[in-house]
Amino acid sequence: MEKITVVKAEPGKEPESVGIENDLKPMQALVDGYIEGHSLPGTPFMLFVNEDGRMKGLAFNRRLNGFAFCGTMVIAKVSGSENVTMDEDEVKQAKELLA
């Protein structure tokens, strides 16, 4: 399985780049449950969160694009319908979105 670089932001922590296998299960493991995707207009990125984060009582993380998210947030680069790896500049851009 191909590995990709994504940016992970846990509640109360600075965003960090991590390498994961490009598959559903590793993404679910990062957010601790079923994933919910949110487009990030004007970027090549998609935001993934736990779809039941609030109902599970996960800790508040950040506000982004007017929405409040709970639990771990993951930003992945998307090309078509596939997640692809980020280069260093894209990692920096994704981290700035979560600052």
Protein backbone atom coordinates (compact mmCIF):
# COMPACT_ATOMS: atom_id res chain seq x y z
CA MET A 1 0.00 0.00 0.00
CA GLU A 2 1.27 3.47 -0.93
CA LYS A 3 2.09 5.85 1.93
CA ILE A 4 1.05 9.49 1.78
CA THR A 5 1.86 12.54 3.87
CA VAL A 6 -1.09 14.25 5.58
CA VAL A 7 -1.39 16.94 8.27
CA LYS A 8 -2.92 15.87 11.58
CA ALA A 9 -4.17 18.26 14.28
CA GLU A 10 -5.18 16.87 17.66
CA PRO A 11 -7.14 19.04 20.12
CA GLY A 12 -4.82 21.41 21.98
CA LYS A 13 -1.76 20.50 19.88
CA GLU A 14 0.07 22.04 16.96
CA PRO A 15 -0.59 20.47 13.54
CA GLU A 16 2.03 17.94 12.41
CA SER A 17 2.76 16.05 9.22
CA VAL A 18 2.45 12.27 9.42
CA GLY A 19 2.83 9.42 6.96
CA ILE A 20 -0.06 6.96 6.63
CA GLU A 21 -1.06 4.19 4.28
CA ASN A 22 -3.39 5.57 1.62
CA ASP A 23 -6.43 3.57 2.70
CA LEU A 24 -9.68 4.07 4.61
CA LYS A 25 -8.72 2.16 7.78
CA PRO A 26 -5.59 4.22 8.61
CA MET A 27 -7.58 7.45 8.11
CA GLN A 28 -10.32 6.13 10.40
CA ALA A 29 -7.67 5.23 12.98
CA LEU A 30 -6.34 8.82 12.95
CA VAL A 31 -9.78 10.32 13.64
CA ASP A 32 -10.87 7.46 15.93
CA GLY A 33 -13.98 6.48 14.01
CA TYR A 34 -15.89 6.84 10.77
CA ILE A 35 -14.64 9.72 8.66
CA GLU A 36 -16.55 12.71 7.43
CA GLY A 37 -15.01 14.79 4.63
CA HIS A 38 -15.21 18.55 4.17
CA SER A 39 -13.94 20.34 1.09
CA LEU A 40 -11.62 23.28 1.63
CA PRO A 41 -12.52 25.68 -1.22
CA GLY A 42 -9.62 27.28 -3.04
CA THR A 43 -7.20 24.54 -1.98
CA PRO A 44 -6.26 21.07 -3.25
CA PHE A 45 -7.14 19.72 0.22
CA MET A 46 -9.92 17.83 1.96
CA LEU A 47 -10.51 17.90 5.72
CA PHE A 48 -11.38 14.63 7.44
CA VAL A 49 -12.88 14.39 10.94
CA ASN A 50 -14.76 11.85 13.05
CA GLU A 51 -18.36 12.05 11.84
CA ASP A 52 -19.64 11.40 15.38
CA GLY A 53 -17.08 13.57 17.18
CA ARG A 54 -19.58 15.80 18.95
CA MET A 55 -21.96 12.97 19.86
CA LYS A 56 -19.03 10.99 21.29
CA GLY A 57 -18.01 13.99 23.38
CA LEU A 58 -14.60 14.38 21.73
CA ALA A 59 -12.69 17.49 22.75
CA PHE A 60 -13.18 20.73 20.80
CA ASN A 61 -10.35 21.15 18.33
CA ARG A 62 -10.65 24.21 16.10
CA ARG A 63 -12.98 26.35 14.04
CA LEU A 64 -12.40 26.23 10.32
CA ASN A 65 -14.50 27.86 7.58
CA GLY A 66 -17.14 28.79 10.14
CA PHE A 67 -17.54 25.29 11.59
CA ALA A 68 -16.45 23.97 14.99
CA PHE A 69 -14.77 20.57 14.89
CA CYS A 70 -14.20 18.08 17.69
CA GLY A 71 -11.53 15.38 17.86
CA THR A 72 -8.56 14.92 15.59
CA MET A 73 -8.62 16.72 12.24
CA VAL A 74 -6.71 15.46 9.20
CA ILE A 75 -6.00 17.38 6.02
CA ALA A 76 -5.12 15.37 2.93
CA LYS A 77 -4.32 16.51 -0.59
CA VAL A 78 -6.86 15.32 -3.14
CA SER A 79 -6.40 14.72 -6.85
CA GLY A 80 -9.66 13.74 -8.51
CA SER A 81 -11.20 11.29 -6.06
CA GLU A 82 -7.88 10.06 -4.63
CA ASN A 83 -5.84 11.21 -1.65
CA VAL A 84 -2.24 11.88 -2.71
CA THR A 85 0.90 12.82 -0.81
CA MET A 86 1.77 16.43 0.05
CA ASP A 87 5.07 18.12 -0.68
CA GLU A 88 6.74 20.42 1.89
CA ASP A 89 5.02 23.58 0.62
CA GLU A 90 1.61 21.90 0.76
CA VAL A 91 2.28 20.67 4.30
CA LYS A 92 3.09 24.25 5.30
CA GLN A 93 -0.09 25.53 3.61
CA ALA A 94 -2.24 22.89 5.36
CA LYS A 95 -0.69 23.71 8.74
CA GLU A 96 -1.45 27.42 8.17
CA LEU A 97 -5.12 26.55 7.57
CA LEU A 98 -5.19 24.99 11.04
CA ALA A 99 -3.25 27.77 12.80
